[in-house]
Protein backbone atom coordinates (compact mmCIF):
# COMPACT_ATOMS: atom_id res chain seq x y z
CA MET A 1 0.00 0.00 0.00
CA ILE A 2 0.98 3.57 -0.52
CA ASN A 3 2.52 5.37 2.42
CA LEU A 4 -0.17 6.37 4.92
CA LYS A 5 1.01 9.95 4.44
CA PHE A 6 -0.96 10.14 1.16
CA ALA A 7 -4.34 9.87 2.88
CA GLU A 8 -3.27 12.38 5.53
CA ASN A 9 -2.01 14.82 2.91
CA LEU A 10 -5.13 14.46 0.77
CA LYS A 11 -7.35 15.11 3.80
CA LEU A 12 -5.28 18.16 4.71
CA LEU A 13 -5.42 19.58 1.19
CA MET A 14 -9.15 19.03 1.01
CA GLN A 15 -9.66 20.78 4.36
CA GLU A 16 -7.39 23.69 3.42
CA THR A 17 -9.23 24.25 0.14
CA ASN A 18 -12.72 23.56 1.51
CA VAL A 19 -13.27 20.77 -1.00
CA ASN A 20 -15.36 17.73 -0.14
CA GLN A 21 -15.22 14.30 -1.76
CA VAL A 22 -18.07 14.97 -4.18
CA MET A 23 -16.60 18.28 -5.32
CA LEU A 24 -13.17 16.74 -5.82
CA ALA A 25 -14.62 13.77 -7.69
CA ASN A 26 -16.46 16.10 -10.06
CA GLU A 27 -13.41 18.28 -10.65
CA ILE A 28 -10.97 15.48 -11.50
CA LYS A 29 -13.54 13.12 -13.07
CA ILE A 30 -12.99 10.30 -10.56
CA SER A 31 -15.71 8.49 -8.64
CA GLN A 32 -16.45 9.67 -5.12
CA SER A 33 -16.10 6.08 -3.94
CA ALA A 34 -12.51 6.00 -5.24
CA ILE A 35 -11.67 9.14 -3.28
CA SER A 36 -13.28 7.65 -0.18
CA ALA A 37 -11.20 4.48 -0.60
CA TRP A 38 -8.01 6.56 -0.90
CA LEU A 39 -8.86 8.52 2.25
CA LEU A 40 -9.46 5.27 4.12
CA ASN A 41 -6.25 3.68 2.77
CA LYS A 42 -8.28 0.91 1.14
CA LYS A 43 -7.00 1.62 -2.38
CA GLU A 44 -4.08 3.36 -4.02
CA PRO A 45 -4.58 6.05 -6.64
CA SER A 46 -3.27 5.43 -10.14
CA ILE A 47 -0.43 7.52 -11.49
CA THR A 48 -2.94 9.39 -13.63
CA SER A 49 -5.07 10.12 -10.57
CA LEU A 50 -2.02 11.39 -8.69
CA TRP A 51 -1.25 13.75 -11.59
CA LEU A 52 -4.83 15.00 -11.63
CA LEU A 53 -4.77 15.57 -7.88
CA ALA A 54 -1.42 17.36 -8.04
CA ASP A 55 -2.71 19.64 -10.80
CA PHE A 56 -5.93 20.35 -8.92
CA PHE A 57 -4.17 21.17 -5.65
CA ASN A 58 -1.25 22.89 -7.37
CA CYS A 59 1.35 20.66 -5.73
CA THR A 60 3.68 17.86 -6.78
CA VAL A 61 3.03 14.13 -6.70
CA ASP A 62 5.95 13.85 -4.27
CA GLU A 63 4.21 16.26 -1.93
CA LEU A 64 0.96 14.30 -2.20
CA ILE A 65 2.56 11.01 -1.27
CA GLY A 66 4.75 12.47 1.47
CA ARG A 67 8.16 12.30 -0.21
CA SER A 68 8.56 16.05 0.28
CA ASN A 69 6.80 18.78 2.23
CA PHE A 70 4.27 21.27 0.94
């Protein structure tokens, strides 16, 4: 599984930007259930999903997965 830091970082970014799961799902064209699974560490995002998230939150994939700080 992906480092637990991903779920923590995604939650933090969503809180900081006032974005909920449904809003994020609509913006990056991913199902809300996929986002829920990521937040619960039940599934890992694909590389494409990581790119979409990084673009949406204006950060790097490394920052998302905890390899570097925001």
